[in-house]
Amino acid sequence: GGITWPTRIGVFVAGAYGSYFGAGLGVLLLGVLGILLVDELQRTNALKTLLSFGVNAIGVVVFLVTAQVAWAFAGILVVTSACGGVLGARVARLLPAPVLRGAVVILGVVVAAVLLIRG
């Protein structure tokens, strides 16, 4: 049992990446957790969501202190992100593990392809 050092290091690296770039943080965290933790995919996805929230919350605080904020756009992002998180969690809980795993893999491949194509 317990959380291993490779898991801690993997989550730290994913969090550092996600706090700077943002794009693909959820897929990256799910991959790290899926490889390094032995647990149900739905529970791993819930942990990924919690960790993503923490990374983004810290990023928001740093951004608020160090930069000018376009509050209208920030408000839209808060509302749409919250709705997406709640709906995404509900859908993930309803899907059988193989379907959820397939969706994550497809999303990861698509995101990687788009990032490679854009250069």
PDB file of N, CA and C in Angstrom:
ATOM      1  N   GLY A   1       0.776  -1.189   0.000  1.00  0.00           N
ATOM      2  CA  GLY A   1       0.000   0.000   0.000  1.00  0.00           C
ATOM      3  C   GLY A   1       0.823   1.261   0.000  1.00  0.00           C
ATOM      4  N   GLY A   2       0.103   2.314   0.164  1.00  0.00           N
ATOM      5  CA  GLY A   2       0.723   3.616   0.218  1.00  0.00           C
ATOM      6  C   GLY A   2       1.088   4.165  -1.148  1.00  0.00           C
ATOM      7  N   ILE A   3       1.424   5.412  -1.145  1.00  0.00           N
ATOM      8  CA  ILE A   3       1.816   6.083  -2.381  1.00  0.00           C
ATOM      9  C   ILE A   3       3.330   6.028  -2.484  1.00  0.00           C
ATOM     10  N   THR A   4       3.820   5.540  -3.605  1.00  0.00           N
ATOM     11  CA  THR A   4       5.256   5.360  -3.802  1.00  0.00           C
ATOM     12  C   THR A   4       5.925   6.658  -4.241  1.00  0.00           C
ATOM     13  N   TRP A   5       7.250   6.686  -4.130  1.00  0.00           N
ATOM     14  CA  TRP A   5       8.000   7.863  -4.582  1.00  0.00           C
ATOM     15  C   TRP A   5       7.878   8.091  -6.082  1.00  0.00           C
ATOM     16  N   PRO A   6       7.916   7.029  -6.912  1.00  0.00           N
ATOM     17  CA  PRO A   6       7.706   7.281  -8.346  1.00  0.00           C
ATOM     18  C   PRO A   6       6.361   7.953  -8.638  1.00  0.00           C
ATOM     19  N   THR A   7       5.327   7.586  -7.879  1.00  0.00           N
ATOM     20  CA  THR A   7       4.021   8.224  -8.056  1.00  0.00           C
ATOM     21  C   THR A   7       4.095   9.692  -7.671  1.00  0.00           C
ATOM     22  N   ARG A   8       4.712   9.983  -6.538  1.00  0.00           N
ATOM     23  CA  ARG A   8       4.855  11.372  -6.087  1.00  0.00           C
ATOM     24  C   ARG A   8       5.629  12.207  -7.105  1.00  0.00           C
ATOM     25  N   ILE A   9       6.733  11.641  -7.601  1.00  0.00           N
ATOM     26  CA  ILE A   9       7.566  12.358  -8.573  1.00  0.00           C
ATOM     27  C   ILE A   9       6.797  12.573  -9.873  1.00  0.00           C
ATOM     28  N   GLY A  10       6.090  11.535 -10.335  1.00  0.00           N
ATOM     29  CA  GLY A  10       5.295  11.658 -11.562  1.00  0.00           C
ATOM     30  C   GLY A  10       4.212  12.717 -11.449  1.00  0.00           C
ATOM     31  N   VAL A  11       3.520  12.747 -10.305  1.00  0.00           N
ATOM     32  CA  VAL A  11       2.480  13.763 -10.096  1.00  0.00           C
ATOM     33  C   VAL A  11       3.105  15.149 -10.001  1.00  0.00           C
ATOM     34  N   PHE A  12       4.263  15.270  -9.338  1.00  0.00           N
ATOM     35  CA  PHE A  12       4.945  16.557  -9.248  1.00  0.00           C
ATOM     36  C   PHE A  12       5.322  17.081 -10.632  1.00  0.00           C
ATOM     37  N   VAL A  13       5.917  16.210 -11.457  1.00  0.00           N
ATOM     38  CA  VAL A  13       6.321  16.622 -12.807  1.00  0.00           C
ATOM     39  C   VAL A  13       5.094  17.014 -13.637  1.00  0.00           C
ATOM     40  N   ALA A  14       4.027  16.210 -13.558  1.00  0.00           N
ATOM     41  CA  ALA A  14       2.799  16.535 -14.292  1.00  0.00           C
ATOM     42  C   ALA A  14       2.216  17.857 -13.797  1.00  0.00           C
ATOM     43  N   GLY A  15       2.247  18.084 -12.492  1.00  0.00           N
ATOM     44  CA  GLY A  15       1.732  19.338 -11.934  1.00  0.00           C
ATOM     45  C   GLY A  15       2.545  20.540 -12.364  1.00  0.00           C
ATOM     46  N   ALA A  16       3.882  20.386 -12.378  1.00  0.00           N
ATOM     47  CA  ALA A  16       4.744  21.486 -12.827  1.00  0.00           C
ATOM     48  C   ALA A  16       4.468  21.803 -14.292  1.00  0.00           C
ATOM     49  N   TYR A  17       4.356  20.750 -15.116  1.00  0.00           N
ATOM     50  CA  TYR A  17       4.034  20.943 -16.532  1.00  0.00           C
ATOM     51  C   TYR A  17       2.675  21.638 -16.666  1.00  0.00           C
ATOM     52  N   GLY A  18       1.677  21.105 -15.969  1.00  0.00           N
ATOM     53  CA  GLY A  18       0.315  21.628 -16.089  1.00  0.00           C
ATOM     54  C   GLY A  18       0.169  23.044 -15.588  1.00  0.00           C
ATOM     55  N   SER A  19       0.931  23.413 -14.554  1.00  0.00           N
ATOM     56  CA  SER A  19       0.812  24.778 -14.045  1.00  0.00           C
ATOM     57  C   SER A  19       1.399  25.786 -15.015  1.00  0.00           C
ATOM     58  N   TYR A  20       2.320  25.340 -15.858  1.00  0.00           N
ATOM     59  CA  TYR A  20       2.922  26.249 -16.830  1.00  0.00           C
ATOM     60  C   TYR A  20       2.158  26.239 -18.147  1.00  0.00           C
ATOM     61  N   PHE A  21       1.868  25.055 -18.673  1.00  0.00           N
ATOM     62  CA  PHE A  21       1.235  24.955 -19.987  1.00  0.00           C
ATOM     63  C   PHE A  21      -0.282  24.801 -19.907  1.00  0.00           C
ATOM     64  N   GLY A  22      -0.766  24.028 -18.958  1.00  0.00           N
ATOM     65  CA  GLY A  22      -2.201  23.814 -18.817  1.00  0.00           C
ATOM     66  C   GLY A  22      -2.739  22.737 -19.736  1.00  0.00           C
ATOM     67  N   ALA A  23      -2.442  22.803 -21.015  1.00  0.00           N
ATOM     68  CA  ALA A  23      -3.014  21.879 -21.996  1.00  0.00           C
ATOM     69  C   ALA A  23      -2.594  20.449 -21.706  1.00  0.00           C
ATOM     70  N   GLY A  24      -3.559  19.567 -21.658  1.00  0.00           N
ATOM     71  CA  GLY A  24      -3.276  18.146 -21.507  1.00  0.00           C
ATOM     72  C   GLY A  24      -2.959  17.701 -20.086  1.00  0.00           C
ATOM     73  N   LEU A  25      -3.113  18.573 -19.101  1.00  0.00           N
ATOM     74  CA  LEU A  25      -2.791  18.206 -17.725  1.00  0.00           C
ATOM     75  C   LEU A  25      -3.602  16.999 -17.270  1.00  0.00           C
ATOM     76  N   GLY A  26      -4.890  17.002 -17.551  1.00  0.00           N
ATOM     77  CA  GLY A  26      -5.750  15.902 -17.109  1.00  0.00           C
ATOM     78  C   GLY A  26      -5.329  14.571 -17.697  1.00  0.00           C
ATOM     79  N   VAL A  27      -5.054  14.553 -18.987  1.00  0.00           N
ATOM     80  CA  VAL A  27      -4.643  13.318 -19.646  1.00  0.00           C
ATOM     81  C   VAL A  27      -3.280  12.870 -19.111  1.00  0.00           C
ATOM     82  N   LEU A  28      -2.367  13.806 -18.921  1.00  0.00           N
ATOM     83  CA  LEU A  28      -1.041  13.476 -18.401  1.00  0.00           C
ATOM     84  C   LEU A  28      -1.142  12.903 -16.988  1.00  0.00           C
ATOM     85  N   LEU A  29      -1.910  13.548 -16.126  1.00  0.00           N
ATOM     86  CA  LEU A  29      -2.080  13.043 -14.766  1.00  0.00           C
ATOM     87  C   LEU A  29      -2.743  11.669 -14.764  1.00  0.00           C
ATOM     88  N   LEU A  30      -3.761  11.492 -15.595  1.00  0.00           N
ATOM     89  CA  LEU A  30      -4.443  10.203 -15.644  1.00  0.00           C
ATOM     90  C   LEU A  30      -3.485   9.113 -16.109  1.00  0.00           C
ATOM     91  N   GLY A  31      -2.622   9.433 -17.048  1.00  0.00           N
ATOM     92  CA  GLY A  31      -1.626   8.470 -17.502  1.00  0.00           C
ATOM     93  C   GLY A  31      -0.650   8.101 -16.399  1.00  0.00           C
ATOM     94  N   VAL A  32      -0.123   9.114 -15.704  1.00  0.00           N
ATOM     95  CA  VAL A  32       0.828   8.866 -14.613  1.00  0.00           C
ATOM     96  C   VAL A  32       0.164   8.042 -13.514  1.00  0.00           C
ATOM     97  N   LEU A  33      -1.030   8.451 -13.105  1.00  0.00           N
ATOM     98  CA  LEU A  33      -1.725   7.733 -12.043  1.00  0.00           C
ATOM     99  C   LEU A  33      -2.129   6.333 -12.478  1.00  0.00           C
ATOM    100  N   GLY A  34      -2.560   6.201 -13.726  1.00  0.00           N
ATOM    101  CA  GLY A  34      -2.969   4.897 -14.231  1.00  0.00           C
ATOM    102  C   GLY A  34      -1.822   3.902 -14.290  1.00  0.00           C
ATOM    103  N   ILE A  35      -0.631   4.396 -14.569  1.00  0.00           N
ATOM    104  CA  ILE A  35       0.541   3.521 -14.650  1.00  0.00           C
ATOM    105  C   ILE A  35       1.076   3.194 -13.253  1.00  0.00           C
ATOM    106  N   LEU A  36       1.105   4.181 -12.373  1.00  0.00           N
ATOM    107  CA  LEU A  36       1.794   4.017 -11.094  1.00  0.00           C
ATOM    108  C   LEU A  36       0.900   3.628  -9.922  1.00  0.00           C
ATOM    109  N   LEU A  37      -0.414   3.759 -10.056  1.00  0.00           N
ATOM    110  CA  LEU A  37      -1.331   3.355  -8.990  1.00  0.00           C
ATOM    111  C   LEU A  37      -2.165   2.171  -9.460  1.00  0.00           C
ATOM    112  N   VAL A  38      -2.410   1.253  -8.558  1.00  0.00           N
ATOM    113  CA  VAL A  38      -3.291   0.131  -8.871  1.00  0.00           C
ATOM    114  C   VAL A  38      -4.631   0.439  -8.215  1.00  0.00           C
ATOM    115  N   ASP A  39      -5.580   0.892  -9.015  1.00  0.00           N
ATOM    116  CA  ASP A  39      -6.901   1.249  -8.503  1.00  0.00           C
ATOM    117  C   ASP A  39      -7.880   1.256  -9.656  1.00  0.00           C
ATOM    118  N   GLU A  40      -9.159   1.363  -9.356  1.00  0.00           N
ATOM    119  CA  GLU A  40     -10.183   1.443 -10.386  1.00  0.00           C
ATOM    120  C   GLU A  40      -9.999   2.728 -11.182  1.00  0.00           C
ATOM    121  N   LEU A  41     -10.290   2.663 -12.480  1.00  0.00           N
ATOM    122  CA  LEU A  41     -10.098   3.828 -13.338  1.00  0.00           C
ATOM    123  C   LEU A  41     -10.967   4.998 -12.888  1.00  0.00           C
ATOM    124  N   GLN A  42     -12.197   4.719 -12.440  1.00  0.00           N
ATOM    125  CA  GLN A  42     -13.061   5.814 -12.001  1.00  0.00           C
ATOM    126  C   GLN A  42     -12.473   6.531 -10.788  1.00  0.00           C
ATOM    127  N   ARG A  43     -11.880   5.782  -9.858  1.00  0.00           N
ATOM    128  CA  ARG A  43     -11.249   6.408  -8.683  1.00  0.00           C
ATOM    129  C   ARG A  43      -9.999   7.179  -9.094  1.00  0.00           C
ATOM    130  N   THR A  44      -9.231   6.606 -10.027  1.00  0.00           N
ATOM    131  CA  THR A  44      -8.039   7.293 -10.528  1.00  0.00           C
ATOM    132  C   THR A  44      -8.438   8.586 -11.222  1.00  0.00           C
ATOM    133  N   ASN A  45      -9.531   8.554 -11.991  1.00  0.00           N
ATOM    134  CA  ASN A  45     -10.022   9.750 -12.670  1.00  0.00           C
ATOM    135  C   ASN A  45     -10.463  10.804 -11.657  1.00  0.00           C
ATOM    136  N   ALA A  46     -11.107  10.384 -10.576  1.00  0.00           N
ATOM    137  CA  ALA A  46     -11.526  11.331  -9.539  1.00  0.00           C
ATOM    138  C   ALA A  46     -10.304  11.981  -8.883  1.00  0.00           C
ATOM    139  N   LEU A  47      -9.269  11.185  -8.607  1.00  0.00           N
ATOM    140  CA  LEU A  47      -8.035  11.729  -8.037  1.00  0.00           C
ATOM    141  C   LEU A  47      -7.381  12.706  -9.008  1.00  0.00           C
ATOM    142  N   LYS A  48      -7.389  12.353 -10.296  1.00  0.00           N
ATOM    143  CA  LYS A  48      -6.845  13.245 -11.329  1.00  0.00           C
ATOM    144  C   LYS A  48      -7.577  14.582 -11.315  1.00  0.00           C
ATOM    145  N   THR A  49      -8.890  14.535 -11.183  1.00  0.00           N
ATOM    146  CA  THR A  49      -9.685  15.772 -11.160  1.00  0.00           C
ATOM    147  C   THR A  49      -9.318  16.621  -9.948  1.00  0.00           C
ATOM    148  N   LEU A  50      -9.171  15.987  -8.795  1.00  0.00           N
ATOM    149  CA  LEU A  50      -8.800  16.717  -7.583  1.00  0.00           C
ATOM    150  C   LEU A  50      -7.410  17.335  -7.718  1.00  0.00           C
ATOM    151  N   LEU A  51      -6.459  16.564  -8.226  1.00  0.00           N
ATOM    152  CA  LEU A  51      -5.104  17.092  -8.421  1.00  0.00           C
ATOM    153  C   LEU A  51      -5.081  18.227  -9.446  1.00  0.00           C
ATOM    154  N   SER A  52      -5.836  18.084 -10.530  1.00  0.00           N
ATOM    155  CA  SER A  52      -5.923  19.146 -11.546  1.00  0.00           C
ATOM    156  C   SER A  52      -6.480  20.422 -10.940  1.00  0.00           C
ATOM    157  N   PHE A  53      -7.493  20.270 -10.089  1.00  0.00           N
ATOM    158  CA  PHE A  53      -8.073  21.431  -9.415  1.00  0.00           C
ATOM    159  C   PHE A  53      -7.014  22.134  -8.571  1.00  0.00           C
ATOM    160  N   GLY A  54      -6.239  21.355  -7.814  1.00  0.00           N
ATOM    161  CA  GLY A  54      -5.195  21.942  -6.975  1.00  0.00           C
ATOM    162  C   GLY A  54      -4.157  22.687  -7.787  1.00  0.00           C
ATOM    163  N   VAL A  55      -3.687  22.068  -8.864  1.00  0.00           N
ATOM    164  CA  VAL A  55      -2.694  22.708  -9.738  1.00  0.00           C
ATOM    165  C   VAL A  55      -3.252  24.011 -10.293  1.00  0.00           C
ATOM    166  N   ASN A  56      -4.478  23.965 -10.791  1.00  0.00           N
ATOM    167  CA  ASN A  56      -5.073  25.162 -11.393  1.00  0.00           C
ATOM    168  C   ASN A  56      -5.382  26.233 -10.354  1.00  0.00           C
ATOM    169  N   ALA A  57      -5.788  25.831  -9.150  1.00  0.00           N
ATOM    170  CA  ALA A  57      -6.069  26.817  -8.097  1.00  0.00           C
ATOM    171  C   ALA A  57      -4.799  27.571  -7.722  1.00  0.00           C
ATOM    172  N   ILE A  58      -3.701  26.856  -7.581  1.00  0.00           N
ATOM    173  CA  ILE A  58      -2.429  27.513  -7.269  1.00  0.00           C
ATOM    174  C   ILE A  58      -2.015  28.432  -8.419  1.00  0.00           C
ATOM    175  N   GLY A  59      -2.183  27.957  -9.653  1.00  0.00           N
ATOM    176  CA  GLY A  59      -1.868  28.778 -10.820  1.00  0.00           C
ATOM    177  C   GLY A  59      -2.686  30.055 -10.863  1.00  0.00           C
ATOM    178  N   VAL A  60      -3.961  29.968 -10.494  1.00  0.00           N
ATOM    179  CA  VAL A  60      -4.833  31.148 -10.483  1.00  0.00           C
ATOM    180  C   VAL A  60      -4.344  32.152  -9.445  1.00  0.00           C
ATOM    181  N   VAL A  61      -3.999  31.679  -8.268  1.00  0.00           N
ATOM    182  CA  VAL A  61      -3.513  32.587  -7.220  1.00  0.00           C
ATOM    183  C   VAL A  61      -2.246  33.310  -7.679  1.00  0.00           C
ATOM    184  N   VAL A  62      -1.307  32.554  -8.244  1.00  0.00           N
ATOM    185  CA  VAL A  62      -0.066  33.172  -8.733  1.00  0.00           C
ATOM    186  C   VAL A  62      -0.386  34.182  -9.833  1.00  0.00           C
ATOM    187  N   PHE A  63      -1.272  33.809 -10.743  1.00  0.00           N
ATOM    188  CA  PHE A  63      -1.631  34.703 -11.839  1.00  0.00           C
ATOM    189  C   PHE A  63      -2.300  35.975 -11.317  1.00  0.00           C
ATOM    190  N   LEU A  64      -3.197  35.830 -10.344  1.00  0.00           N
ATOM    191  CA  LEU A  64      -3.883  37.003  -9.792  1.00  0.00           C
ATOM    192  C   LEU A  64      -2.906  37.978  -9.147  1.00  0.00           C
ATOM    193  N   VAL A  65      -1.865  37.461  -8.533  1.00  0.00           N
ATOM    194  CA  VAL A  65      -0.893  38.301  -7.849  1.00  0.00           C
ATOM    195  C   VAL A  65       0.079  38.947  -8.829  1.00  0.00           C
ATOM    196  N   THR A  66       0.391  38.267  -9.931  1.00  0.00           N
ATOM    197  CA  THR A  66       1.477  38.735 -10.792  1.00  0.00           C
ATOM    198  C   THR A  66       1.050  39.332 -12.132  1.00  0.00           C
ATOM    199  N   ALA A  67      -0.228  39.290 -12.473  1.00  0.00           N
ATOM    200  CA  ALA A  67      -0.618  39.746 -13.816  1.00  0.00           C
ATOM    201  C   ALA A  67      -1.946  40.498 -13.772  1.00  0.00           C
ATOM    202  N   GLN A  68      -2.221  41.170 -14.860  1.00  0.00           N
ATOM    203  CA  GLN A  68      -3.521  41.825 -15.009  1.00  0.00           C
ATOM    204  C   GLN A  68      -4.534  40.775 -15.465  1.00  0.00           C
ATOM    205  N   VAL A  69      -5.742  40.858 -14.944  1.00  0.00           N
ATOM    206  CA  VAL A  69      -6.767  39.852 -15.223  1.00  0.00           C
ATOM    207  C   VAL A  69      -7.888  40.486 -16.035  1.00  0.00           C
ATOM    208  N   ALA A  70      -8.281  39.820 -17.123  1.00  0.00           N
ATOM    209  CA  ALA A  70      -9.470  40.218 -17.879  1.00  0.00           C
ATOM    210  C   ALA A  70     -10.647  39.517 -17.206  1.00  0.00           C
ATOM    211  N   TRP A  71     -11.314  40.208 -16.275  1.00  0.00           N
ATOM    212  CA  TRP A  71     -12.295  39.580 -15.407  1.00  0.00           C
ATOM    213  C   TRP A  71     -13.482  38.990 -16.152  1.00  0.00           C
ATOM    214  N   ALA A  72     -13.898  39.592 -17.244  1.00  0.00           N
ATOM    215  CA  ALA A  72     -15.037  39.042 -17.993  1.00  0.00           C
ATOM    216  C   ALA A  72     -14.690  37.652 -18.533  1.00  0.00           C
ATOM    217  N   PHE A  73     -13.511  37.527 -19.112  1.00  0.00           N
ATOM    218  CA  PHE A  73     -13.086  36.221 -19.639  1.00  0.00           C
ATOM    219  C   PHE A  73     -12.825  35.236 -18.505  1.00  0.00           C
ATOM    220  N   ALA A  74     -12.242  35.711 -17.415  1.00  0.00           N
ATOM    221  CA  ALA A  74     -11.967  34.837 -16.273  1.00  0.00           C
ATOM    222  C   ALA A  74     -13.270  34.279 -15.709  1.00  0.00           C
ATOM    223  N   GLY A  75     -14.299  35.113 -15.639  1.00  0.00           N
ATOM    224  CA  GLY A  75     -15.606  34.654 -15.150  1.00  0.00           C
ATOM    225  C   GLY A  75     -16.204  33.582 -16.035  1.00  0.00           C
ATOM    226  N   ILE A  76     -16.094  33.764 -17.338  1.00  0.00           N
ATOM    227  CA  ILE A  76     -16.593  32.758 -18.284  1.00  0.00           C
ATOM    228  C   ILE A  76     -15.843  31.439 -18.092  1.00  0.00           C
ATOM    229  N   LEU A  77     -14.519  31.519 -17.947  1.00  0.00           N
ATOM    230  CA  LEU A  77     -13.714  30.313 -17.751  1.00  0.00           C
ATOM    231  C   LEU A  77     -14.069  29.592 -16.449  1.00  0.00           C
ATOM    232  N   VAL A  78     -14.325  30.340 -15.382  1.00  0.00           N
ATOM    233  CA  VAL A  78     -14.686  29.715 -14.104  1.00  0.00           C
ATOM    234  C   VAL A  78     -15.987  28.941 -14.250  1.00  0.00           C
ATOM    235  N   VAL A  79     -16.988  29.563 -14.840  1.00  0.00           N
ATOM    236  CA  VAL A  79     -18.294  28.912 -14.982  1.00  0.00           C
ATOM    237  C   VAL A  79     -18.208  27.694 -15.899  1.00  0.00           C
ATOM    238  N   THR A  80     -17.587  27.845 -17.057  1.00  0.00           N
ATOM    239  CA  THR A  80     -17.531  26.721 -17.998  1.00  0.00           C
ATOM    240  C   THR A  80     -16.635  25.597 -17.490  1.00  0.00           C
ATOM    241  N   SER A  81     -15.559  25.920 -16.798  1.00  0.00           N
ATOM    242  CA  SER A  81     -14.689  24.879 -16.229  1.00  0.00           C
ATOM    243  C   SER A  81     -15.414  24.102 -15.132  1.00  0.00           C
ATOM    244  N   ALA A  82     -16.151  24.809 -14.286  1.00  0.00           N
ATOM    245  CA  ALA A  82     -16.896  24.138 -13.222  1.00  0.00           C
ATOM    246  C   ALA A  82     -17.963  23.215 -13.813  1.00  0.00           C
ATOM    247  N   CYS A  83     -18.683  23.710 -14.817  1.00  0.00           N
ATOM    248  CA  CYS A  83     -19.710  22.874 -15.466  1.00  0.00           C
ATOM    249  C   CYS A  83     -19.072  21.653 -16.127  1.00  0.00           C
ATOM    250  N   GLY A  84     -17.969  21.854 -16.815  1.00  0.00           N
ATOM    251  CA  GLY A  84     -17.283  20.740 -17.464  1.00  0.00           C
ATOM    252  C   GLY A  84     -16.771  19.727 -16.461  1.00  0.00           C
ATOM    253  N   GLY A  85     -16.257  20.189 -15.349  1.00  0.00           N
ATOM    254  CA  GLY A  85     -15.764  19.281 -14.315  1.00  0.00           C
ATOM    255  C   GLY A  85     -16.866  18.444 -13.708  1.00  0.00           C
ATOM    256  N   VAL A  86     -17.996  19.075 -13.393  1.00  0.00           N
ATOM    257  CA  VAL A  86     -19.122  18.354 -12.790  1.00  0.00           C
ATOM    258  C   VAL A  86     -19.715  17.358 -13.787  1.00  0.00           C
ATOM    259  N   LEU A  87     -19.971  17.819 -15.014  1.00  0.00           N
ATOM    260  CA  LEU A  87     -20.547  16.919 -16.019  1.00  0.00           C
ATOM    261  C   LEU A  87     -19.576  15.811 -16.398  1.00  0.00           C
ATOM    262  N   GLY A  88     -18.288  16.143 -16.532  1.00  0.00           N
ATOM    263  CA  GLY A  88     -17.284  15.135 -16.869  1.00  0.00           C
ATOM    264  C   GLY A  88     -17.188  14.054 -15.809  1.00  0.00           C
ATOM    265  N   ALA A  89     -17.234  14.441 -14.537  1.00  0.00           N
ATOM    266  CA  ALA A  89     -17.177  13.462 -13.450  1.00  0.00           C
ATOM    267  C   ALA A  89     -18.395  12.548 -13.476  1.00  0.00           C
ATOM    268  N   ARG A  90     -19.563  13.102 -13.737  1.00  0.00           N
ATOM    269  CA  ARG A  90     -20.779  12.277 -13.805  1.00  0.00           C
ATOM    270  C   ARG A  90     -20.714  11.284 -14.953  1.00  0.00           C
ATOM    271  N   VAL A  91     -20.269  11.752 -16.105  1.00  0.00           N
ATOM    272  CA  VAL A  91     -20.159  10.859 -17.266  1.00  0.00           C
ATOM    273  C   VAL A  91     -19.123   9.774 -16.990  1.00  0.00           C
ATOM    274  N   ALA A  92     -17.977  10.148 -16.403  1.00  0.00           N
ATOM    275  CA  ALA A  92     -16.916   9.179 -16.128  1.00  0.00           C
ATOM    276  C   ALA A  92     -17.390   8.095 -15.165  1.00  0.00           C
ATOM    277  N   ARG A  93     -18.215   8.464 -14.179  1.00  0.00           N
ATOM    278  CA  ARG A  93     -18.723   7.475 -13.228  1.00  0.00           C
ATOM    279  C   ARG A  93     -19.686   6.502 -13.889  1.00  0.00           C
ATOM    280  N   LEU A  94     -20.415   6.964 -14.896  1.00  0.00           N
ATOM    281  CA  LEU A  94     -21.413   6.121 -15.556  1.00  0.00           C
ATOM    282  C   LEU A  94     -20.807   5.164 -16.574  1.00  0.00           C
ATOM    283  N   LEU A  95     -19.660   5.519 -17.136  1.00  0.00           N
ATOM    284  CA  LEU A  95     -19.056   4.702 -18.193  1.00  0.00           C
ATOM    285  C   LEU A  95     -18.357   3.481 -17.615  1.00  0.00           C
ATOM    286  N   PRO A  96     -18.486   2.344 -18.286  1.00  0.00           N
ATOM    287  CA  PRO A  96     -17.681   1.183 -17.876  1.00  0.00           C
ATOM    288  C   PRO A  96     -16.190   1.501 -18.063  1.00  0.00           C
ATOM    289  N   ALA A  97     -15.340   0.897 -17.234  1.00  0.00           N
ATOM    290  CA  ALA A  97     -13.902   1.184 -17.258  1.00  0.00           C
ATOM    291  C   ALA A  97     -13.283   1.038 -18.647  1.00  0.00           C
ATOM    292  N   PRO A  98     -13.598  -0.023 -19.427  1.00  0.00           N
ATOM    293  CA  PRO A  98     -12.971  -0.132 -20.758  1.00  0.00           C
ATOM    294  C   PRO A  98     -13.357   1.014 -21.702  1.00  0.00           C
ATOM    295  N   VAL A  99     -14.587   1.485 -21.605  1.00  0.00           N
ATOM    296  CA  VAL A  99     -15.026   2.606 -22.455  1.00  0.00           C
ATOM    297  C   VAL A  99     -14.312   3.886 -22.035  1.00  0.00           C
ATOM    298  N   LEU A 100     -14.240   4.124 -20.724  1.00  0.00           N
ATOM    299  CA  LEU A 100     -13.549   5.313 -20.225  1.00  0.00           C
ATOM    300  C   LEU A 100     -12.068   5.269 -20.611  1.00  0.00           C
ATOM    301  N   ARG A 101     -11.445   4.103 -20.464  1.00  0.00           N
ATOM    302  CA  ARG A 101     -10.036   3.949 -20.823  1.00  0.00           C
ATOM    303  C   ARG A 101      -9.837   4.237 -22.313  1.00  0.00           C
ATOM    304  N   GLY A 102     -10.720   3.705 -23.152  1.00  0.00           N
ATOM    305  CA  GLY A 102     -10.634   3.953 -24.596  1.00  0.00           C
ATOM    306  C   GLY A 102     -10.790   5.427 -24.929  1.00  0.00           C
ATOM    307  N   ALA A 103     -11.729   6.090 -24.257  1.00  0.00           N
ATOM    308  CA  ALA A 103     -11.940   7.518 -24.496  1.00  0.00           C
ATOM    309  C   ALA A 103     -10.708   8.327 -24.105  1.00  0.00           C
ATOM    310  N   VAL A 104     -10.080   7.958 -22.980  1.00  0.00           N
ATOM    311  CA  VAL A 104      -8.877   8.669 -22.528  1.00  0.00           C
ATOM    312  C   VAL A 104      -7.736   8.464 -23.523  1.00  0.00           C
ATOM    313  N   VAL A 105      -7.575   7.232 -23.992  1.00  0.00           N
ATOM    314  CA  VAL A 105      -6.504   6.948 -24.955  1.00  0.00           C
ATOM    315  C   VAL A 105      -6.725   7.723 -26.249  1.00  0.00           C
ATOM    316  N   ILE A 106      -7.959   7.712 -26.758  1.00  0.00           N
ATOM    317  CA  ILE A 106      -8.272   8.435 -27.999  1.00  0.00           C
ATOM    318  C   ILE A 106      -8.024   9.931 -27.809  1.00  0.00           C
ATOM    319  N   LEU A 107      -8.491  10.485 -26.690  1.00  0.00           N
ATOM    320  CA  LEU A 107      -8.283  11.907 -26.422  1.00  0.00           C
ATOM    321  C   LEU A 107      -6.792  12.229 -26.347  1.00  0.00           C
ATOM    322  N   GLY A 108      -6.034  11.370 -25.662  1.00  0.00           N
ATOM    323  CA  GLY A 108      -4.592  11.593 -25.549  1.00  0.00           C
ATOM    324  C   GLY A 108      -3.898  11.576 -26.896  1.00  0.00           C
ATOM    325  N   VAL A 109      -4.280  10.636 -27.759  1.00  0.00           N
ATOM    326  CA  VAL A 109      -3.680  10.552 -29.088  1.00  0.00           C
ATOM    327  C   VAL A 109      -4.038  11.779 -29.915  1.00  0.00           C
ATOM    328  N   VAL A 110      -5.295  12.204 -29.847  1.00  0.00           N
ATOM    329  CA  VAL A 110      -5.734  13.380 -30.602  1.00  0.00           C
ATOM    330  C   VAL A 110      -4.992  14.630 -30.137  1.00  0.00           C
ATOM    331  N   VAL A 111      -4.896  14.809 -28.813  1.00  0.00           N
ATOM    332  CA  VAL A 111      -4.181  15.980 -28.281  1.00  0.00           C
ATOM    333  C   VAL A 111      -2.718  15.954 -28.706  1.00  0.00           C
ATOM    334  N   ALA A 112      -2.080  14.781 -28.614  1.00  0.00           N
ATOM    335  CA  ALA A 112      -0.670  14.669 -29.024  1.00  0.00           C
ATOM    336  C   ALA A 112      -0.513  14.986 -30.513  1.00  0.00           C
ATOM    337  N   ALA A 113      -1.422  14.478 -31.339  1.00  0.00           N
ATOM    338  CA  ALA A 113      -1.340  14.737 -32.782  1.00  0.00           C
ATOM    339  C   ALA A 113      -1.497  16.218 -33.081  1.00  0.00           C
ATOM    340  N   VAL A 114      -2.474  16.857 -32.424  1.00  0.00           N
ATOM    341  CA  VAL A 114      -2.693  18.291 -32.666  1.00  0.00           C
ATOM    342  C   VAL A 114      -1.467  19.089 -32.238  1.00  0.00           C
ATOM    343  N   LEU A 115      -0.893  18.767 -31.075  1.00  0.00           N
ATOM    344  CA  LEU A 115       0.296  19.491 -30.611  1.00  0.00           C
ATOM    345  C   LEU A 115       1.480  19.265 -31.536  1.00  0.00           C
ATOM    346  N   LEU A 116       1.636  18.054 -32.062  1.00  0.00           N
ATOM    347  CA  LEU A 116       2.724  17.787 -33.007  1.00  0.00           C
ATOM    348  C   LEU A 116       2.539  18.530 -34.323  1.00  0.00           C
ATOM    349  N   ILE A 117       1.312  18.554 -34.805  1.00  0.00           N
ATOM    350  CA  ILE A 117       1.025  19.224 -36.069  1.00  0.00           C
ATOM    351  C   ILE A 117       1.240  20.732 -35.952  1.00  0.00           C
ATOM    352  N   ARG A 118       0.795  21.301 -34.836  1.00  0.00           N
ATOM    353  CA  ARG A 118       0.959  22.750 -34.626  1.00  0.00           C
ATOM    354  C   ARG A 118       2.417  23.135 -34.419  1.00  0.00           C
ATOM    355  N   GLY A 119       3.224  22.169 -33.989  1.00  0.00           N
ATOM    356  CA  GLY A 119       4.654  22.427 -33.791  1.00  0.00           C
ATOM    357  C   GLY A 119       4.894  23.135 -32.516  1.00  0.00           C
TER     358      GLY A 119
END
